[in-house]
């Protein structure tokens, strides 16, 4: 019969093959889940979820209302052919209040976070078929260094920033990955 540590190691190997050789302790598991709760608090914030919607349109504002002017996702996730995101959203925030960052657009539907539980969100982040074909290290790099992601912490006047600073978010994401990227239990 397998002990708890062996079961955790076996389940860890399935969740995060890159660090499967590391023995995951109960303490690592608890730290991983706690770190993911912090990560999820940022990913569910309007600055992130507005561009990771489950539907065919972006959301706006701290209340997540539908984007003005009936903006839609479009075939390439960057707006309809006659109304591309870049028509209004430039590489930086505009003085007129329109937010901006390089490569402005929606995340693909496979990366929709709207309505997911913590378990589902963690599983999606770890799944290259649903995360843009990224490894966990690439997920980390994307979240910590990409200018579009960084916009969440520099959103312009009248917009809330996520509940953690970008450095705190990076630390929580690093901890989650380094402790096995354990998904919280499904509920």
Protein backbone atom coordinates (compact mmCIF):
# COMPACT_ATOMS: atom_id res chain seq x y z
CA UNK A 1 0.00 0.00 0.00
CA UNK A 2 1.30 3.48 -0.91
CA UNK A 3 1.84 6.01 1.85
CA UNK A 4 0.57 9.60 1.67
CA UNK A 5 3.92 10.98 0.46
CA UNK A 6 4.07 8.40 -2.34
CA UNK A 7 0.53 9.17 -3.43
CA UNK A 8 1.30 12.88 -3.44
CA UNK A 9 4.44 12.20 -5.50
CA UNK A 10 2.50 10.08 -8.00
CA UNK A 11 -0.28 12.67 -8.35
CA UNK A 12 2.34 15.42 -8.57
CA UNK A 13 4.03 13.65 -11.49
CA UNK A 14 0.78 13.75 -13.42
CA UNK A 15 0.21 17.43 -12.63
CA UNK A 16 3.70 18.81 -13.19
CA UNK A 17 6.09 16.45 -15.04
CA UNK A 18 8.87 19.07 -15.06
CA UNK A 19 9.35 18.71 -11.31
CA UNK A 20 8.06 15.15 -10.89
CA UNK A 21 11.37 13.90 -9.45
CA UNK A 22 11.04 16.21 -6.46
CA UNK A 23 9.29 14.60 -3.52
CA UNK A 24 6.26 16.71 -2.65
CA UNK A 25 5.52 16.85 1.05
CA UNK A 26 2.22 17.62 2.70
CA UNK A 27 3.72 21.00 3.58
CA UNK A 28 4.59 21.64 -0.11
CA UNK A 29 1.08 20.66 -1.10
CA UNK A 30 -0.47 23.08 1.40
CA UNK A 31 1.90 25.89 0.36
CA UNK A 32 1.15 25.21 -3.31
CA UNK A 33 -2.60 25.38 -2.82
CA UNK A 34 -2.32 28.53 -0.69
CA UNK A 35 -0.07 30.17 -3.30
CA UNK A 36 -2.56 29.29 -6.02
CA UNK A 37 -5.37 30.97 -4.08
CA UNK A 38 -3.30 34.17 -4.22
CA UNK A 39 -2.65 33.67 -7.94
CA UNK A 40 -6.36 33.07 -8.56
CA UNK A 41 -7.27 36.28 -6.70
CA UNK A 42 -5.34 38.19 -9.37
CA UNK A 43 -6.53 36.15 -12.35
CA UNK A 44 -10.16 36.69 -11.31
CA UNK A 45 -9.72 40.44 -10.92
CA UNK A 46 -11.46 42.57 -13.59
CA UNK A 47 -8.08 43.67 -15.01
CA UNK A 48 -7.52 40.05 -16.06
CA UNK A 49 -10.96 38.47 -16.41
CA UNK A 50 -12.24 41.26 -18.69
CA UNK A 51 -9.83 40.01 -21.38
CA UNK A 52 -10.25 36.32 -20.53
CA UNK A 53 -14.04 36.05 -21.03
CA UNK A 54 -15.93 32.88 -21.86
CA UNK A 55 -18.05 34.66 -24.46
CA UNK A 56 -17.48 36.43 -27.74
CA UNK A 57 -16.97 39.94 -26.40
CA UNK A 58 -14.59 41.65 -24.01
CA UNK A 59 -15.70 43.15 -20.74
CA UNK A 60 -14.86 46.57 -19.31
CA UNK A 61 -14.60 48.36 -16.03
CA UNK A 62 -14.34 47.21 -12.47
CA UNK A 63 -17.86 45.76 -12.78
CA UNK A 64 -17.04 43.70 -15.89
CA UNK A 65 -19.82 45.13 -18.07
CA UNK A 66 -19.95 44.36 -21.78
CA UNK A 67 -17.52 46.44 -23.84
CA UNK A 68 -19.05 49.60 -25.29
CA UNK A 69 -19.85 49.87 -29.00
CA UNK A 70 -20.71 46.16 -29.20
CA UNK A 71 -17.08 45.18 -29.65
CA UNK A 72 -16.74 41.46 -30.43
CA UNK A 73 -13.95 38.89 -30.22
CA UNK A 74 -13.46 38.46 -33.97
CA UNK A 75 -11.84 35.52 -35.76
CA UNK A 76 -8.33 36.25 -34.42
CA UNK A 77 -9.35 37.41 -30.89
CA UNK A 78 -8.40 40.99 -31.82
CA UNK A 79 -11.81 42.32 -32.88
CA UNK A 80 -13.99 42.19 -35.95
CA UNK A 81 -12.33 42.96 -39.29
CA UNK A 82 -13.72 46.51 -39.40
CA UNK A 83 -13.25 47.14 -35.66
CA UNK A 84 -9.89 45.79 -34.51
CA UNK A 85 -8.88 46.29 -30.88
CA UNK A 86 -5.84 48.26 -32.06
CA UNK A 87 -8.14 50.84 -33.69
CA UNK A 88 -8.64 52.32 -30.21
CA UNK A 89 -6.16 50.52 -27.94
CA UNK A 90 -2.65 51.71 -28.68
CA UNK A 91 0.64 50.46 -27.18
CA UNK A 92 0.23 52.68 -24.08
CA UNK A 93 -2.62 54.19 -22.07
CA UNK A 94 -4.12 57.21 -23.86
CA UNK A 95 -4.78 60.58 -22.21
CA UNK A 96 -8.45 60.24 -23.19
CA UNK A 97 -8.75 57.22 -20.86
CA UNK A 98 -8.55 54.42 -23.41
CA UNK A 99 -6.21 51.81 -21.97
CA UNK A 100 -3.33 50.47 -23.97
CA UNK A 101 -0.50 47.97 -24.08
CA UNK A 102 1.27 46.11 -26.88
CA UNK A 103 -0.75 43.37 -28.61
CA UNK A 104 -4.08 44.43 -27.08
CA UNK A 105 -6.76 41.79 -27.60
CA UNK A 106 -8.68 38.96 -26.00
CA UNK A 107 -7.16 35.74 -24.81
CA UNK A 108 -8.32 32.80 -26.96
CA UNK A 109 -11.48 31.07 -25.72
CA UNK A 110 -9.36 28.12 -24.59
CA UNK A 111 -7.90 30.55 -22.04
CA UNK A 112 -11.24 31.84 -20.73
CA UNK A 113 -11.19 32.09 -16.94
CA UNK A 114 -14.70 33.41 -16.44
CA UNK A 115 -16.75 31.06 -14.25
CA UNK A 116 -13.98 28.55 -13.47
CA UNK A 117 -13.40 27.10 -10.01
CA UNK A 118 -9.91 27.26 -8.52
CA UNK A 119 -9.40 23.62 -9.52
CA UNK A 120 -10.50 24.23 -13.12
CA UNK A 121 -8.39 27.39 -13.38
CA UNK A 122 -5.25 25.63 -12.13
CA UNK A 123 -5.83 22.69 -14.48
CA UNK A 124 -6.29 25.05 -17.42
CA UNK A 125 -3.07 26.93 -16.62
CA UNK A 126 -1.14 23.65 -16.59
CA UNK A 127 -2.67 22.28 -19.81
CA UNK A 128 -0.67 23.27 -22.93
CA UNK A 129 -3.74 22.50 -25.06
CA UNK A 130 -5.59 25.27 -23.22
CA UNK A 131 -2.83 27.69 -22.19
CA UNK A 132 -1.27 28.69 -25.50
CA UNK A 133 1.07 25.67 -25.61
CA UNK A 134 3.10 27.01 -22.70
CA UNK A 135 5.11 25.17 -20.07
CA UNK A 136 4.76 26.32 -16.47
CA UNK A 137 8.01 28.27 -16.86
CA UNK A 138 6.59 29.98 -19.94
CA UNK A 139 3.39 30.76 -18.00
CA UNK A 140 5.58 32.34 -15.32
CA UNK A 141 7.58 34.37 -17.86
CA UNK A 142 4.41 35.52 -19.62
CA UNK A 143 2.78 36.68 -16.40
CA UNK A 144 5.86 38.32 -14.94
CA UNK A 145 7.36 40.01 -18.03
CA UNK A 146 4.71 40.49 -20.74
CA UNK A 147 3.75 44.17 -21.12
CA UNK A 148 0.08 43.38 -21.81
CA UNK A 149 -0.17 41.41 -18.55
CA UNK A 150 1.72 44.20 -16.80
CA UNK A 151 -0.94 46.66 -17.87
CA UNK A 152 -3.12 45.27 -15.06
CA UNK A 153 -0.85 47.06 -12.58
CA UNK A 154 -0.79 50.29 -14.63
CA UNK A 155 -4.36 50.49 -15.91
CA UNK A 156 -4.83 54.24 -15.94
CA UNK A 157 -7.10 56.51 -13.95
CA UNK A 158 -10.30 55.13 -12.48
CA UNK A 159 -9.35 51.46 -12.70
CA UNK A 160 -8.52 49.25 -9.75
CA UNK A 161 -5.35 47.21 -9.76
CA UNK A 162 -5.31 43.54 -8.73
CA UNK A 163 -5.22 42.67 -5.02
CA UNK A 164 -1.49 41.81 -5.12
CA UNK A 165 1.37 43.86 -6.52
CA UNK A 166 3.01 42.37 -9.60
CA UNK A 167 6.00 41.33 -7.45
CA UNK A 168 3.69 39.64 -4.92
CA UNK A 169 1.86 37.92 -7.76
CA UNK A 170 5.18 36.73 -9.26
CA UNK A 171 6.25 35.36 -5.87
CA UNK A 172 2.94 33.50 -5.41
CA UNK A 173 3.10 32.10 -8.95
CA UNK A 174 6.74 31.01 -8.42
CA UNK A 175 5.80 29.34 -5.12
CA UNK A 176 2.87 27.53 -6.77
CA UNK A 177 5.09 26.20 -9.54
CA UNK A 178 8.03 25.31 -7.29
CA UNK A 179 5.85 23.41 -4.82
CA UNK A 180 4.36 21.19 -7.51
CA UNK A 181 1.68 23.38 -9.13
CA UNK A 182 -0.93 21.49 -7.15
CA UNK A 183 -4.51 22.13 -8.18
CA UNK A 184 -6.91 22.86 -5.35
CA UNK A 185 -9.44 20.09 -4.84
CA UNK A 186 -12.41 20.05 -7.18
CA UNK A 187 -15.63 21.12 -5.52
